[in-house]
Protein backbone atom coordinates (compact mmCIF):
# COMPACT_ATOMS: atom_id res chain seq x y z
CA MET A 1 12.67 18.96 -68.26
CA PRO A 2 15.19 16.14 -67.75
CA LEU A 3 15.27 14.39 -64.34
CA HIS A 4 18.69 14.45 -62.68
CA PHE A 5 18.78 11.20 -60.75
CA GLU A 6 22.16 11.96 -59.29
CA ALA A 7 20.89 15.15 -57.69
CA VAL A 8 17.84 13.36 -56.30
CA ILE A 9 19.98 10.57 -54.82
CA GLU A 10 22.38 13.13 -53.38
CA GLY A 11 19.50 15.03 -51.79
CA ILE A 12 18.01 11.90 -50.27
CA THR A 13 21.44 10.86 -48.93
CA VAL A 14 22.01 14.26 -47.38
CA GLY A 15 18.56 14.12 -45.78
CA LEU A 16 19.10 10.65 -44.36
CA VAL A 17 22.54 11.57 -43.00
CA GLY A 18 21.14 14.74 -41.48
CA ALA A 19 18.28 12.83 -39.84
CA GLY A 20 20.75 10.28 -38.50
CA VAL A 21 22.98 12.99 -37.08
CA ILE A 22 20.02 14.72 -35.44
CA THR A 23 18.82 11.39 -33.96
CA LEU A 24 22.34 10.64 -32.66
CA LEU A 25 22.67 14.10 -31.12
CA ALA A 26 19.26 13.78 -29.48
CA SER A 27 20.18 10.34 -28.08
CA CYS A 28 23.50 11.65 -26.73
CA ARG A 29 21.70 14.65 -25.24
CA ASN A 30 19.21 12.37 -23.46
CA ARG A 31 21.98 10.11 -22.20
CA VAL A 32 23.92 13.06 -20.78
CA ARG A 33 20.81 14.53 -19.16
CA THR A 34 19.89 11.12 -17.68
CA ALA A 35 23.43 10.70 -16.30
CA PHE A 36 23.27 14.13 -14.64
CA GLN A 37 19.80 13.35 -13.29
CA LYS A 38 21.02 10.07 -11.75
CA ARG A 39 24.07 11.83 -10.33
CA GLY A 40 21.85 14.49 -8.75
CA ILE A 41 19.63 11.86 -7.12
CA LYS A 42 22.67 10.07 -5.66
CA ARG A 43 24.06 13.37 -4.38
CA GLU A 44 20.81 14.05 -2.53
CA LEU A 45 20.82 10.56 -1.00
CA LYS A 46 24.32 11.15 0.38
CA THR A 47 22.89 13.86 2.64
CA MET A 48 20.51 11.47 4.42
CA GLY A 49 20.66 11.52 8.20
CA ILE A 50 18.56 10.29 11.10
CA GLY A 51 16.35 11.88 13.71
CA SER A 52 14.39 10.54 16.64
CA GLY A 53 10.93 10.89 18.12
CA ILE A 54 8.54 9.04 20.38
CA ASP A 55 7.73 6.58 17.58
CA GLY A 56 11.35 5.66 16.80
CA LEU A 57 14.20 6.69 14.51
CA THR A 58 13.38 8.48 11.26
CA THR A 59 15.09 9.38 8.01
CA SER A 60 13.81 11.38 5.06
CA VAL A 61 14.02 11.04 1.28
CA ARG A 62 13.75 14.20 -0.82
CA ASN A 63 12.70 14.63 -4.44
CA GLU A 64 14.27 17.69 -6.03
CA THR A 65 14.43 16.32 -9.58
CA GLY A 66 11.46 18.24 -10.96
CA HIS A 67 9.71 14.94 -11.84
CA ALA A 68 7.60 12.53 -9.82
CA MET A 69 9.62 9.80 -8.11
CA THR A 70 8.57 6.60 -6.32
CA VAL A 71 10.39 5.37 -3.21
CA ARG A 72 10.14 1.58 -3.17
CA GLN A 73 12.23 0.84 -0.10
CA VAL A 74 14.36 2.45 2.59
CA ALA A 75 16.45 0.23 4.88
CA PHE A 76 19.16 0.48 7.54
CA LEU A 77 22.04 -1.99 7.55
CA ILE A 78 22.31 -2.97 11.24
CA GLY A 79 24.85 -5.68 11.91
CA GLU A 80 24.63 -7.93 8.84
CA THR A 81 20.89 -7.42 8.19
CA PHE A 82 19.01 -4.78 6.20
CA ILE A 83 16.06 -3.62 8.32
CA VAL A 84 13.32 -2.20 6.06
CA LEU A 85 11.73 0.97 7.46
CA LEU A 86 8.03 1.80 7.49
CA PRO A 87 6.73 4.73 5.39
CA SER A 88 5.21 7.46 7.56
CA GLY A 89 2.89 8.62 4.78
CA GLU A 90 3.58 12.29 5.67
CA LEU A 91 4.51 14.64 2.84
CA THR A 92 6.11 18.07 3.23
CA SER A 93 7.64 20.66 0.93
CA SER A 94 11.36 20.45 0.17
CA PHE A 95 13.49 22.59 -2.10
CA LYS A 96 16.98 24.03 -2.26
CA GLY A 97 17.40 26.86 0.22
CA LYS A 98 14.46 25.87 2.40
CA ASP A 99 16.75 24.88 5.27
CA ARG A 100 19.77 26.94 6.22
CA LYS A 101 23.25 25.54 5.70
CA LEU A 102 25.36 24.59 8.69
CA THR A 103 28.31 26.79 9.54
CA ARG A 104 31.84 25.36 9.50
CA ALA A 105 31.89 25.26 13.30
CA GLU A 106 28.57 23.38 13.34
CA MET A 107 29.88 20.95 10.73
CA ARG A 108 32.90 20.19 12.91
CA ARG A 109 30.67 19.62 15.93
CA LEU A 110 28.34 17.41 13.88
CA LYS A 111 31.25 15.25 12.69
CA GLY A 112 32.22 14.84 16.34
CA GLY A 113 28.79 13.44 17.15
CA ALA A 114 27.27 16.57 18.73
CA MET A 115 23.59 17.47 18.40
CA ILE A 116 23.09 20.65 16.32
CA PRO A 117 19.88 22.62 17.06
CA MET A 118 18.12 23.81 13.91
CA GLU A 119 15.24 26.18 13.33
CA SER A 120 12.01 24.27 13.74
CA GLU A 121 8.70 24.62 11.92
CA MET A 122 5.31 24.01 13.50
CA GLN A 123 2.61 22.45 11.34
CA PHE A 124 -0.92 21.74 12.54
CA ALA A 125 -1.34 19.13 9.82
CA SER A 126 0.69 17.51 7.09
CA TRP A 127 -0.32 16.11 3.74
CA ARG A 128 -0.83 12.37 3.75
CA VAL A 129 0.36 10.16 0.93
CA PRO A 130 -0.71 6.60 1.78
CA PRO A 131 1.70 3.99 0.45
CA THR A 132 0.55 1.47 -2.13
CA GLU A 133 -0.22 -2.13 -1.22
CA ALA A 134 3.43 -2.91 -1.93
CA GLY A 135 4.56 -0.15 0.45
CA PHE A 136 5.73 2.23 -2.31
CA VAL A 137 5.46 6.00 -1.84
CA THR A 138 5.19 8.41 -4.79
CA LEU A 139 6.80 11.81 -4.24
CA PRO A 140 5.71 14.80 -6.34
CA PRO A 141 8.50 17.21 -7.36
CA TYR A 142 10.14 19.22 -4.55
CA THR A 143 8.68 17.24 -1.67
CA LYS A 144 10.03 14.84 0.94
CA THR A 145 8.69 12.04 3.09
CA SER A 146 10.01 10.22 6.14
CA PHE A 147 10.49 6.56 7.01
CA LEU A 148 10.41 5.03 10.48
CA LEU A 149 12.39 2.41 12.39
CA PRO A 150 9.88 1.61 15.16
CA ALA A 151 10.89 2.19 18.76
CA GLU A 152 9.56 -1.27 19.64
CA PHE A 153 12.20 -2.87 17.41
CA ILE A 154 15.02 -0.80 18.93
CA ALA A 155 13.88 -1.69 22.45
CA ALA A 156 13.73 -5.42 21.77
CA ASN A 157 16.55 -6.08 19.36
CA SER A 158 20.04 -5.26 18.19
CA THR A 159 22.67 -3.14 19.92
CA ASP A 160 24.69 -2.76 16.70
CA ASP A 161 25.27 0.54 14.94
CA ILE A 162 23.72 1.65 11.65
CA ARG A 163 26.38 0.86 9.06
CA SER A 164 24.70 2.19 5.92
CA TYR A 165 21.43 3.22 4.27
CA ARG A 166 19.78 1.52 1.30
CA VAL A 167 17.24 3.35 -0.87
CA VAL A 168 15.44 1.81 -3.86
CA LEU A 169 13.89 4.41 -6.19
CA GLU A 170 11.83 4.37 -9.37
CA TYR A 171 12.18 7.51 -11.45
CA GLU A 172 11.47 8.75 -14.97
CA THR A 173 14.34 9.97 -17.12
CA ARG A 174 14.27 13.10 -19.28
CA ALA A 175 13.48 10.82 -22.24
CA GLY A 176 10.46 9.37 -20.46
CA GLU A 177 12.01 5.99 -19.59
CA LYS A 178 11.35 4.29 -16.25
CA LYS A 179 14.50 3.48 -14.28
CA ILE A 180 15.21 1.66 -10.99
CA LEU A 181 18.05 2.85 -8.78
CA GLN A 182 19.29 0.94 -5.74
CA ASN A 183 21.73 3.09 -3.82
CA ASP A 184 23.74 2.06 -0.75
CA VAL A 185 25.43 4.90 1.07
CA LYS A 186 27.31 5.14 4.34
CA PRO A 187 26.28 7.89 6.80
CA SER A 188 28.05 11.15 6.01
CA HIS A 189 28.35 11.86 9.76
CA PRO A 190 28.70 8.41 11.41
CA ASP A 191 29.51 9.83 14.87
CA HIS A 192 26.26 11.80 14.86
CA VAL A 193 24.27 8.74 13.74
CA ARG A 194 25.95 6.61 16.43
CA SER A 195 25.32 9.15 19.21
CA THR A 196 21.66 9.59 18.14
CA LEU A 197 21.12 5.83 18.22
CA GLN A 198 22.86 5.43 21.58
CA HIS A 199 20.92 8.34 23.07
CA PHE A 200 17.64 6.83 21.89
CA ARG A 201 18.50 3.42 23.34
CA ALA A 202 19.45 5.06 26.64
CA GLU A 203 16.04 6.80 26.74
CA VAL A 204 14.40 3.42 26.17
CA GLN A 205 16.40 1.84 28.99
CA ASN A 206 15.92 4.60 31.58
CA GLY A 207 12.20 5.08 30.90
CA THR A 208 12.39 8.63 29.51
CA LEU A 209 10.85 7.56 26.20
CA ASP A 210 7.94 5.80 27.91
CA LYS A 211 7.15 8.95 29.90
CA ALA A 212 6.93 10.95 26.65
CA ARG A 213 4.84 8.25 24.96
CA LYS A 214 2.43 8.19 27.90
CA MET A 215 1.74 11.91 27.40
CA PHE A 216 0.50 11.12 23.87
CA GLY A 217 -1.46 8.04 24.90
CA LYS A 218 0.97 5.56 23.34
CA PRO A 219 1.73 2.16 24.90
CA SER A 220 4.87 1.47 26.90
CA ILE A 221 7.80 -0.18 25.11
CA GLY A 222 10.33 -0.28 27.96
CA PRO A 223 12.48 -3.40 28.40
CA LYS A 224 10.74 -6.23 30.22
CA PRO A 225 12.09 -6.69 33.74
CA ALA A 226 13.99 -9.92 34.19
CA SER A 227 12.91 -12.38 36.85
CA ALA A 228 14.55 -12.02 40.22
CA ASP A 229 16.41 -15.35 39.95
CA SER A 230 17.82 -14.79 36.45
CA ASN A 231 21.38 -13.61 35.79
CA GLN A 232 21.10 -10.71 33.40
CA ALA A 233 24.82 -10.35 32.67
CA THR A 234 28.21 -11.64 33.81
CA LEU A 235 31.38 -9.85 34.92
CA LEU A 236 34.41 -11.88 33.76
CA LEU A 237 37.74 -11.17 35.50
CA PRO A 238 41.28 -11.89 34.21
CA ASN A 239 41.60 -14.91 36.54
CA ASP A 240 38.45 -16.41 34.90
CA THR A 241 36.29 -15.58 37.93
CA GLU A 242 32.68 -14.95 36.92
CA ILE A 243 30.41 -12.63 38.90
CA ALA A 244 26.67 -12.64 38.17
CA LEU A 245 25.19 -9.19 37.60
CA LYS A 246 21.50 -9.51 38.48
CA GLN A 247 20.65 -5.83 38.27
CA PHE A 248 21.30 -3.22 35.59
CA ASP A 249 21.15 -0.33 38.05
CA LEU A 250 24.73 -1.04 39.07
CA SER A 251 27.10 1.80 38.21
CA LEU A 252 30.53 1.56 36.62
CA GLY A 253 32.02 2.57 39.96
CA GLN A 254 30.26 -0.32 41.69
CA LEU A 255 31.55 -2.64 38.97
CA VAL A 256 35.08 -1.48 39.80
CA GLY A 257 34.38 -2.18 43.48
CA LEU A 258 33.19 -5.72 42.76
CA ALA A 259 36.32 -6.42 40.71
CA GLN A 260 38.59 -4.94 43.39
CA GLN A 261 37.12 -7.19 46.09
CA ALA A 262 37.38 -10.31 43.94
CA LEU A 263 40.92 -9.70 42.66
CA ASN A 264 42.41 -7.98 45.72
CA ASP A 265 44.45 -5.85 43.33
CA PRO A 266 45.42 -2.40 44.72
CA LYS A 267 45.52 -1.01 41.16
CA ILE A 268 41.84 -1.83 40.51
CA THR A 269 40.61 1.60 41.57
CA PRO A 270 38.66 4.38 39.87
CA GLU A 271 41.98 6.15 39.30
CA GLY A 272 43.34 3.15 37.39
CA PHE A 273 40.34 2.91 35.04
CA GLY A 274 41.13 3.56 31.36
CA THR A 275 42.87 2.07 28.34
CA GLN A 276 45.89 4.30 29.01
CA LYS A 277 46.04 3.33 32.70
CA HIS A 278 45.70 -0.08 34.36
CA PHE A 279 42.39 -1.67 33.28
CA PHE A 280 39.16 -1.14 31.37
CA PHE A 281 35.90 -2.95 30.58
CA VAL A 282 34.72 -4.53 27.32
CA ASN A 283 31.27 -5.91 26.56
CA SER A 284 32.64 -8.92 24.67
CA THR A 285 29.15 -9.86 23.48
CA THR A 286 28.70 -6.65 21.50
CA GLY A 287 32.35 -5.56 21.11
CA SER A 288 31.73 -2.30 23.01
CA LEU A 289 34.55 -0.57 24.89
CA PHE A 290 33.95 1.16 28.25
CA ASP A 291 36.79 3.67 28.64
CA SER A 292 37.76 6.40 31.11
CA HIS A 293 35.76 9.12 29.33
CA LEU A 294 32.62 7.59 30.87
CA ASP A 295 31.27 8.87 34.18
CA LEU A 296 31.68 6.15 36.81
CA SER A 297 28.19 6.95 38.08
CA ARG A 298 26.70 5.71 34.76
CA GLN A 299 24.46 2.70 35.27
CA LEU A 300 24.78 -0.44 33.17
CA SER A 301 21.29 0.20 31.80
CA THR A 302 22.63 3.35 30.07
CA LEU A 303 25.62 1.48 28.63
CA PHE A 304 23.44 -0.79 26.46
CA VAL A 305 24.16 -3.93 28.50
CA SER A 306 21.57 -6.61 27.73
CA ASN A 307 20.51 -9.92 29.19
CA GLY A 308 23.23 -12.53 28.67
CA ASP A 309 26.04 -10.05 27.93
CA VAL A 310 29.54 -10.74 29.24
CA ILE A 311 31.44 -7.73 30.62
CA GLU A 312 35.18 -8.41 30.73
CA LEU A 313 37.68 -6.58 32.90
CA ARG A 314 40.87 -6.41 30.87
CA LEU A 315 44.30 -5.34 32.01
CA CYS A 316 46.18 -2.87 29.84
CA GLN A 317 49.28 -5.07 30.25
CA PRO A 318 47.89 -8.60 30.51
CA ASN A 319 49.91 -11.47 31.91
CA PRO A 320 51.47 -13.81 29.30
CA GLN A 321 49.68 -17.08 28.60
CA SER A 322 51.25 -20.52 28.92
CA ASP A 323 52.74 -20.16 25.43
CA THR A 324 54.47 -16.91 26.55
CA ALA A 325 52.19 -14.86 24.23
CA ALA A 326 50.03 -12.16 25.84
CA LEU A 327 46.52 -11.62 24.51
CA ASN A 328 45.79 -8.30 22.82
CA PRO A 329 43.67 -6.40 25.38
CA MET A 330 41.74 -4.68 22.54
CA ARG A 331 40.74 -7.96 20.86
CA GLY A 332 37.17 -8.01 19.59
CA VAL A 333 36.57 -4.28 20.20
CA THR A 334 34.56 -2.80 17.34
CA LYS A 335 33.05 0.31 18.91
CA TYR A 336 33.07 2.40 22.04
CA VAL A 337 30.24 3.62 24.24
CA LYS A 338 29.79 7.35 24.64
């Protein structure tokens, strides 16, 4: 029987082309599946929020990919510095539908910074997943773990807001490849994050947190009292008069009274307080605005005033300077105190 070389070559060619097409299709399929997997992980990270407890502020990372995932780092951007959080080591179940969705009304309240009560779950124990020596935490599929910003750090350090979250993950693609993802995301509800942080700092300042920690046998973390002869803060008036504020238990109303006595201005009254009225206060050290929505009985300790801060009284219509140009009364304001 004669051997038809042309037919053999044609068959081999067809086989090689078919194998190449199958390989290409498989590669494209893996690339598409990996892209969707990465997109799903990023979508989950966008839903990150914060909570608070006696140990500090917490945030959680969920793994709903169906594959094991390793969390290498979680950090908050506070001011210009990324603060790396501590892994709690606690592991709980997490899957789609486990927690109810917020209603539209609750979503509107959340965006406005309100606290939304959710159904709670009591557990007598939680699974522990100790981090590696490098601080990495491996999450099995459909689980979540939390990370902690210690209360001691919040009590002793920055008054800035949390600007964004950073999460560094190691995950395995559908094709079995190891990938690293560093994802920076801004809070989806910044007003809620800001109010949670401010509320926690207020509890540190007024001693509420220490009372709760004492019940669980934890050490006190309250701010250290300043010495009696130290000036904790300064009230700066428009005429460059400086008044030493030696105590943080002064109220906003008393601050108005001090300014009224020093300036002898009949418009420096509680009724004239507000950015739309005659005057207001700005913590020029932190860029925080004290406006008329605040209760005048609020003490400075609840307004996040720290040792060395300068509180300026600013007029809504300031007097022109020597060069006939009036300073912008809102200069340096980056946030407002609730």
